[in-house]
Amino acid sequence: MWSTSDAAAETTESTFVRGFIKLGYSPREEPGSPLAAGASRVVPLGSAAPEVRERARLERVRQAAFYGATSERAGQQPLGRVSTLSPWLAPDQPALPVTKLERYGECAFLGFAATPLRAVRGETIGDALGPRERGTLIHAAAAAALLAIREQMHRADAELLRVALGAARACLSEHAGSALRGAALSSALSDVESLVRWSLDNREYALHDAERAFGDGEAWGPLVLGPFRLSGRIDRVDVAQGGRRLRVIDYKSGQPPSKRDTAALQAWLYSRKAAEELDAVELESLYLGLKRRVVKPVWVFRGDAGAPELLEREQHALSLLERFRDGHVAAEPLRTSRCARCDARDICRRPLSAPPPEDSNEDG
């Protein structure tokens, strides 16, 4: 037996439904939960459109590829391929930066996102220095410091350090702001001081240049590998007496790459370019990692400018360029641990929970 209030509620609901139908809408009744006893769909779903079915098929292929379900991989050709990207490497286009080729070596989709899509993860604008801006300022201040003392290496270390830090401080002061930003710049200056002290302790080579760019419109033209052209900016080039021995240095904030990291190409390709321009016969190439004001050198290569090891890395870079040109852009990172902070994370379709590829370089 219903109460008066129940009957009134039913009348109100019926009036609402009739008005809803009168406006041209079709009411659909769904169970409260698909797990409810006797749950069923009152109105059957219509058949899916062809494009929806195709999208669902591709999604199943994608899941099978990422999670290793080999029995479901038939017809997965659309996964990780686009039409040729040769226009991005054409002679009438700017030379491809080595850093973008490194990203492609780290993960093909990341390289695709960085080049044709021009995707970057923006840093929060504020008084503090973000990692990207901090790294840029340390590079600029270190260059200013070392160039200021390049012609004065006969002076005492204490005097050289004073001159170098004065130049670095002047460079950083152009980016001053609030007290918080000032503290961050002060910390960056301390890092630059560590780099200068390391340089004074390892002066068997003399500074030749800092922040040396190569590429279109630069004094040093592009690095040519087969039909491809590359550009870049070398953090530092040192020369030994006589000018036939070079030391090429790339600064890294935090832990530098290991020698066996196949995606780390800067040290190799920058050395090749510097040797080509300065007609060097012997090379040293290293990363200088900087973390908590401690400089950690990681030597990558020492030997003749024509050593097989250098040529092998050039061939590896050339093979990456060919794969990029042919449109291979699969999301297959060498190190899945970096996926969460990847610049292309928001547009990548690889699940974070997917296992790493069998040939990953997770520990490299």
Protein backbone atom coordinates (compact mmCIF):
# COMPACT_ATOMS: atom_id res chain seq x y z
CA MET A 1 0.00 0.00 0.00
CA TRP A 2 1.47 3.33 -1.07
CA SER A 3 1.22 6.38 1.07
CA THR A 4 -0.19 9.67 -0.18
CA SER A 5 3.35 11.07 -0.49
CA ASP A 6 4.39 8.06 -2.66
CA ALA A 7 1.47 8.62 -5.01
CA ALA A 8 2.29 12.32 -5.29
CA ALA A 9 5.91 11.52 -6.11
CA GLU A 10 4.83 9.08 -8.83
CA THR A 11 2.51 11.69 -10.35
CA THR A 12 5.32 14.29 -10.37
CA GLU A 13 7.74 11.83 -11.98
CA SER A 14 5.22 10.82 -14.64
CA THR A 15 4.54 14.45 -15.48
CA PHE A 16 8.28 15.06 -15.85
CA VAL A 17 8.74 12.04 -18.13
CA ARG A 18 5.79 13.06 -20.33
CA GLY A 19 7.24 16.54 -20.67
CA PHE A 20 10.63 15.07 -21.49
CA ILE A 21 9.11 12.94 -24.28
CA LYS A 22 7.08 15.88 -25.58
CA LEU A 23 10.32 17.79 -26.17
CA GLY A 24 11.52 15.03 -28.46
CA TYR A 25 13.83 13.11 -26.12
CA SER A 26 13.76 9.32 -25.78
CA PRO A 27 13.99 8.20 -22.16
CA ARG A 28 16.58 5.45 -21.47
CA GLU A 29 16.31 3.42 -18.30
CA GLU A 30 19.52 1.90 -16.92
CA PRO A 31 19.94 -0.31 -13.86
CA GLY A 32 21.58 1.29 -10.87
CA SER A 33 24.51 -1.07 -11.25
CA PRO A 34 25.53 -3.60 -13.91
CA LEU A 35 26.07 -6.00 -11.00
CA ALA A 36 22.50 -5.67 -9.72
CA ALA A 37 20.40 -8.83 -9.78
CA GLY A 38 18.35 -9.00 -12.98
CA ALA A 39 20.05 -5.95 -14.44
CA SER A 40 19.31 -5.51 -18.13
CA ARG A 41 19.32 -2.77 -20.74
CA VAL A 42 15.81 -1.52 -21.51
CA VAL A 43 16.82 0.05 -24.84
CA PRO A 44 19.44 -1.92 -26.82
CA LEU A 45 22.47 -0.04 -28.07
CA GLY A 46 22.67 0.69 -31.76
CA SER A 47 25.46 -0.79 -33.89
CA ALA A 48 28.79 1.05 -33.75
CA ALA A 49 29.87 3.21 -36.68
CA PRO A 50 32.70 1.82 -38.87
CA GLU A 51 35.18 4.40 -37.57
CA VAL A 52 34.36 3.44 -33.97
CA ARG A 53 34.95 -0.25 -34.74
CA GLU A 54 38.26 0.58 -36.39
CA ARG A 55 39.32 2.70 -33.41
CA ALA A 56 38.46 -0.16 -31.05
CA ARG A 57 40.48 -2.58 -33.18
CA LEU A 58 43.53 -0.29 -33.08
CA GLU A 59 43.17 0.10 -29.32
CA ARG A 60 43.22 -3.68 -28.90
CA VAL A 61 46.30 -3.85 -31.11
CA ARG A 62 47.95 -1.12 -29.06
CA GLN A 63 47.24 -2.88 -25.78
CA ALA A 64 48.50 -6.18 -27.19
CA ALA A 65 51.73 -4.56 -28.37
CA PHE A 66 52.46 -2.79 -25.09
CA TYR A 67 51.54 -5.72 -22.87
CA GLY A 68 53.15 -8.45 -24.96
CA ALA A 69 50.04 -10.40 -26.02
CA THR A 70 51.71 -11.79 -29.15
CA SER A 71 48.66 -13.82 -30.19
CA GLU A 72 46.73 -10.58 -30.69
CA ARG A 73 49.36 -8.66 -32.67
CA ALA A 74 48.07 -9.49 -36.15
CA GLY A 75 47.45 -6.38 -38.20
CA GLN A 76 49.37 -4.03 -35.90
CA GLN A 77 51.15 -2.24 -38.77
CA PRO A 78 49.51 1.14 -37.98
CA LEU A 79 51.13 1.11 -34.53
CA GLY A 80 54.22 3.31 -34.31
CA ARG A 81 54.40 4.34 -37.97
CA VAL A 82 53.59 7.54 -39.80
CA SER A 83 54.15 8.58 -43.37
CA THR A 84 57.68 9.56 -44.32
CA LEU A 85 59.21 12.39 -42.29
CA SER A 86 61.80 13.24 -44.93
CA PRO A 87 60.46 16.83 -45.32
CA TRP A 88 61.72 17.53 -41.78
CA LEU A 89 65.24 16.52 -42.84
CA ALA A 90 65.24 18.12 -46.29
CA PRO A 91 68.15 20.41 -47.31
CA ASP A 92 65.85 23.44 -47.33
CA GLN A 93 64.94 22.85 -43.68
CA PRO A 94 67.07 23.86 -40.65
CA ALA A 95 69.62 21.26 -39.59
CA LEU A 96 68.25 18.86 -36.97
CA PRO A 97 69.62 19.59 -33.46
CA VAL A 98 71.69 16.78 -31.98
CA THR A 99 69.63 17.05 -28.78
CA LYS A 100 66.48 16.15 -30.73
CA LEU A 101 68.24 13.19 -32.31
CA GLU A 102 69.17 12.09 -28.78
CA ARG A 103 65.52 12.28 -27.81
CA TYR A 104 64.65 10.10 -30.77
CA GLY A 105 67.28 7.61 -29.66
CA GLU A 106 65.82 7.65 -26.15
CA CYS A 107 62.30 7.04 -27.48
CA ALA A 108 61.14 7.36 -31.08
CA PHE A 109 57.83 8.92 -30.07
CA LEU A 110 59.62 11.50 -27.91
CA GLY A 111 61.75 12.48 -30.92
CA PHE A 112 58.62 12.70 -33.07
CA ALA A 113 56.90 14.86 -30.46
CA ALA A 114 59.92 17.15 -30.15
CA THR A 115 60.42 17.69 -33.89
CA PRO A 116 57.28 17.63 -36.10
CA LEU A 117 54.91 18.22 -33.16
CA ARG A 118 57.24 20.68 -31.32
CA ALA A 119 55.85 19.47 -28.00
CA VAL A 120 57.54 20.58 -24.78
CA ARG A 121 56.48 20.43 -21.18
CA GLY A 122 56.29 23.99 -19.93
CA GLU A 123 57.79 24.98 -16.61
CA THR A 124 55.73 26.82 -14.03
CA ILE A 125 56.43 30.53 -14.21
CA GLY A 126 57.46 31.90 -10.85
CA ASP A 127 60.27 33.32 -8.78
CA ALA A 128 62.15 30.04 -8.46
CA LEU A 129 64.35 28.68 -11.24
CA GLY A 130 62.97 25.65 -13.05
CA PRO A 131 65.42 22.89 -14.09
CA ARG A 132 65.55 24.00 -17.72
CA GLU A 133 66.12 27.68 -16.96
CA ARG A 134 68.64 26.86 -14.26
CA GLY A 135 70.65 24.70 -16.62
CA THR A 136 70.61 27.40 -19.30
CA LEU A 137 71.83 30.07 -16.87
CA ILE A 138 74.62 27.87 -15.49
CA HIS A 139 75.83 27.21 -19.03
CA ALA A 140 75.82 30.93 -19.86
CA ALA A 141 77.50 31.96 -16.61
CA ALA A 142 80.17 29.25 -16.90
CA ALA A 143 80.95 30.41 -20.44
CA ALA A 144 81.26 34.03 -19.27
CA ALA A 145 83.52 33.01 -16.38
CA LEU A 146 85.91 30.90 -18.44
CA LEU A 147 86.11 33.33 -21.35
CA ALA A 148 86.97 36.13 -18.90
CA ILE A 149 90.14 34.31 -17.80
CA ARG A 150 91.06 32.61 -21.06
CA GLU A 151 93.92 35.01 -21.80
CA GLN A 152 95.08 35.37 -18.18
CA MET A 153 96.03 31.82 -17.22
CA HIS A 154 99.51 32.95 -16.11
CA ARG A 155 97.97 34.62 -13.02
CA ALA A 156 97.51 32.99 -9.63
CA ASP A 157 94.50 30.73 -9.11
CA ALA A 158 92.95 32.98 -6.48
CA GLU A 159 93.06 35.96 -8.83
CA LEU A 160 91.69 33.95 -11.72
CA LEU A 161 88.83 32.70 -9.57
CA ARG A 162 87.96 36.25 -8.52
CA VAL A 163 87.85 37.46 -12.15
CA ALA A 164 85.85 34.44 -13.32
CA LEU A 165 83.23 34.73 -10.59
CA GLY A 166 82.90 38.44 -11.24
CA ALA A 167 82.03 37.72 -14.88
CA ALA A 168 79.61 34.93 -13.88
CA ARG A 169 77.93 37.15 -11.30
CA ALA A 170 77.44 39.90 -13.88
CA CYS A 171 75.89 37.38 -16.28
CA LEU A 172 73.45 36.06 -13.68
CA SER A 173 72.53 39.52 -12.38
CA GLU A 174 70.70 40.20 -15.65
CA HIS A 175 68.12 37.64 -14.52
CA ALA A 176 67.66 38.86 -10.95
CA GLY A 177 64.28 39.36 -9.34
CA SER A 178 62.77 38.59 -5.95
CA ALA A 179 64.69 37.40 -2.89
CA LEU A 180 63.66 33.81 -3.71
CA ARG A 181 65.03 34.11 -7.21
CA GLY A 182 68.17 35.75 -5.84
CA ALA A 183 68.77 32.72 -3.61
CA ALA A 184 68.41 30.40 -6.60
CA LEU A 185 70.87 32.51 -8.62
CA SER A 186 73.30 32.45 -5.71
CA SER A 187 73.13 28.66 -5.71
CA ALA A 188 73.75 28.64 -9.47
CA LEU A 189 76.80 30.87 -8.95
CA SER A 190 78.19 28.33 -6.47
CA ASP A 191 77.82 25.63 -9.10
CA VAL A 192 79.69 27.79 -11.61
CA GLU A 193 82.45 28.27 -9.04
CA SER A 194 82.80 24.49 -8.78
CA LEU A 195 83.19 24.26 -12.56
CA VAL A 196 85.84 27.00 -12.58
CA ARG A 197 87.78 25.35 -9.75
CA TRP A 198 87.74 22.05 -11.66
CA SER A 199 89.03 23.87 -14.74
CA LEU A 200 91.90 25.44 -12.81
CA ASP A 201 92.85 22.03 -11.41
CA ASN A 202 92.82 20.46 -14.90
CA ARG A 203 94.49 23.06 -17.06
CA GLU A 204 96.74 20.79 -19.09
CA TYR A 205 94.32 21.90 -21.81
CA ALA A 206 93.55 25.56 -22.49
CA LEU A 207 90.06 26.88 -23.16
CA HIS A 208 89.55 27.41 -26.88
CA ASP A 209 85.85 28.25 -26.94
CA ALA A 210 82.65 28.06 -24.92
CA GLU A 211 79.07 27.73 -26.15
CA ARG A 212 80.31 27.15 -29.69
CA ALA A 213 77.33 26.73 -32.01
CA PHE A 214 77.40 24.87 -35.31
CA GLY A 215 74.71 24.70 -37.96
CA ASP A 216 73.02 26.90 -40.52
CA GLY A 217 74.27 30.48 -40.45
CA GLU A 218 77.02 29.74 -37.91
CA ALA A 219 80.79 30.07 -38.32
CA TRP A 220 80.91 26.29 -37.99
CA GLY A 221 78.48 24.82 -40.51
CA PRO A 222 76.24 21.78 -39.90
CA LEU A 223 77.67 18.36 -39.11
CA VAL A 224 77.03 16.21 -42.18
CA LEU A 225 76.20 12.51 -41.78
CA GLY A 226 75.33 10.97 -45.12
CA PRO A 227 72.45 12.99 -46.60
CA PHE A 228 71.58 14.51 -43.22
CA ARG A 229 72.68 17.69 -41.46
CA LEU A 230 72.88 18.24 -37.70
CA SER A 231 73.25 21.34 -35.55
CA GLY A 232 74.24 21.86 -31.94
CA ARG A 233 75.99 23.95 -29.34
CA ILE A 234 79.17 22.62 -27.75
CA ASP A 235 79.47 23.67 -24.12
CA ARG A 236 83.23 23.79 -24.18
CA VAL A 237 86.22 23.04 -26.43
CA ASP A 238 89.73 22.90 -24.90
CA VAL A 239 92.99 22.52 -26.82
CA ALA A 240 96.39 21.23 -25.79
CA GLN A 241 99.62 22.95 -26.78
CA GLY A 242 100.04 22.74 -30.55
CA GLY A 243 96.28 22.65 -31.20
CA ARG A 244 96.13 19.06 -32.50
CA ARG A 245 94.69 17.59 -29.30
CA LEU A 246 91.17 18.49 -28.20
CA ARG A 247 89.10 18.05 -25.06
CA VAL A 248 85.37 18.41 -25.71
CA ILE A 249 83.18 18.89 -22.62
CA ASP A 250 79.43 18.74 -22.19
CA TYR A 251 77.95 19.97 -18.91
CA LYS A 252 75.17 17.95 -17.28
CA SER A 253 73.08 18.90 -14.27
CA GLY A 254 72.95 15.89 -11.98
CA GLN A 255 74.07 12.44 -13.04
CA PRO A 256 75.79 12.41 -16.47
CA PRO A 257 75.10 9.59 -18.95
CA SER A 258 77.29 6.51 -18.86
CA LYS A 259 79.64 5.64 -21.69
CA ARG A 260 77.46 2.72 -22.75
CA ASP A 261 74.28 4.80 -22.97
CA THR A 262 73.43 4.39 -26.66
CA ALA A 263 71.04 7.36 -26.64
CA ALA A 264 73.72 9.81 -25.42
CA LEU A 265 75.19 11.13 -28.67
CA GLN A 266 76.31 14.66 -27.84
CA ALA A 267 79.79 13.80 -26.57
CA TRP A 268 80.51 11.68 -29.64
CA LEU A 269 79.05 13.91 -32.35
CA TYR A 270 80.33 17.14 -30.82
CA SER A 271 83.82 15.65 -30.71
CA ARG A 272 83.56 14.68 -34.36
CA LYS A 273 82.51 18.21 -35.31
CA ALA A 274 85.23 19.92 -33.24
CA ALA A 275 87.91 17.63 -34.67
CA GLU A 276 86.67 18.34 -38.18
CA GLU A 277 86.76 22.12 -37.69
CA LEU A 278 90.09 22.31 -35.82
CA ASP A 279 91.88 19.54 -37.70
CA ALA A 280 92.60 17.59 -34.52
CA VAL A 281 94.26 14.19 -34.48
CA GLU A 282 93.63 13.24 -30.83
CA LEU A 283 90.43 13.66 -28.84
CA GLU A 284 89.15 13.52 -25.30
CA SER A 285 85.42 13.70 -24.78
CA LEU A 286 83.71 13.84 -21.42
CA TYR A 287 80.65 14.89 -19.49
CA LEU A 288 80.96 17.09 -16.44
CA GLY A 289 78.12 16.24 -14.10
CA LEU A 290 77.27 18.87 -11.52
CA LYS A 291 75.23 17.99 -8.44
CA ARG A 292 75.27 19.78 -5.10
CA ARG A 293 78.35 21.75 -6.17
CA VAL A 294 80.32 18.55 -6.81
CA VAL A 295 81.81 18.12 -10.28
CA LYS A 296 81.85 14.53 -11.52
CA PRO A 297 83.78 13.93 -14.76
CA VAL A 298 82.72 10.97 -16.90
CA TRP A 299 85.12 10.27 -19.74
CA VAL A 300 83.39 9.02 -22.87
CA PHE A 301 86.24 8.70 -25.34
CA ARG A 302 90.00 9.09 -25.50
CA GLY A 303 91.89 8.30 -28.67
CA ASP A 304 92.51 9.10 -32.31
CA ALA A 305 90.03 11.22 -34.24
CA GLY A 306 89.51 8.33 -36.67
CA ALA A 307 89.03 5.60 -34.06
CA PRO A 308 86.53 2.80 -34.90
CA GLU A 309 84.58 3.55 -31.72
CA LEU A 310 83.81 7.06 -32.96
CA LEU A 311 82.82 5.76 -36.39
CA GLU A 312 80.48 3.22 -34.81
CA ARG A 313 78.62 5.97 -32.94
CA GLU A 314 78.36 8.00 -36.13
CA GLN A 315 76.85 4.99 -37.87
CA HIS A 316 74.40 4.58 -34.99
CA ALA A 317 73.36 8.23 -35.34
CA LEU A 318 72.98 7.74 -39.10
CA SER A 319 70.74 4.71 -38.58
CA LEU A 320 68.54 6.72 -36.19
CA LEU A 321 68.22 9.48 -38.78
CA GLU A 322 67.19 6.95 -41.42
CA ARG A 323 64.55 5.44 -39.12
CA PHE A 324 63.21 8.91 -38.34
CA ARG A 325 63.04 9.78 -42.02
CA ASP A 326 61.12 6.55 -42.73
CA GLY A 327 58.48 7.37 -40.10
CA HIS A 328 59.26 4.97 -37.23
CA VAL A 329 57.77 6.72 -34.18
CA ALA A 330 56.76 3.94 -31.79
CA ALA A 331 56.60 4.75 -28.08
CA GLU A 332 59.35 2.34 -27.04
CA PRO A 333 61.54 4.10 -24.46
CA LEU A 334 64.97 2.81 -23.51
CA ARG A 335 64.22 3.74 -19.88
CA THR A 336 60.60 3.51 -18.81
CA SER A 337 61.57 5.08 -15.46
CA ARG A 338 61.70 8.44 -17.26
CA CYS A 339 58.22 8.20 -18.76
CA ALA A 340 56.41 9.95 -15.89
CA ARG A 341 58.43 13.16 -16.37
CA CYS A 342 58.77 12.93 -20.16
CA ASP A 343 58.05 16.10 -22.18
CA ALA A 344 55.63 14.09 -24.35
CA ARG A 345 53.84 12.37 -21.46
CA ASP A 346 50.54 14.19 -21.99
CA ILE A 347 50.24 13.07 -25.62
CA CYS A 348 51.91 9.66 -25.43
CA ARG A 349 49.61 6.67 -25.62
CA ARG A 350 51.93 4.16 -23.99
CA PRO A 351 50.45 3.12 -20.61
CA LEU A 352 52.71 3.90 -17.67
CA SER A 353 51.99 0.41 -16.34
CA ALA A 354 53.26 -1.31 -19.50
CA PRO A 355 56.41 -3.40 -19.01
CA PRO A 356 59.67 -2.15 -20.58
CA PRO A 357 60.71 -3.48 -23.98
CA GLU A 358 62.90 -6.58 -23.91
CA ASP A 359 65.90 -4.65 -25.27
CA SER A 360 65.49 -1.65 -22.94
CA ASN A 361 68.50 0.14 -21.45
CA GLU A 362 66.86 0.70 -18.10
CA ASP A 363 70.12 0.62 -16.15
CA GLY A 364 72.23 2.44 -18.74
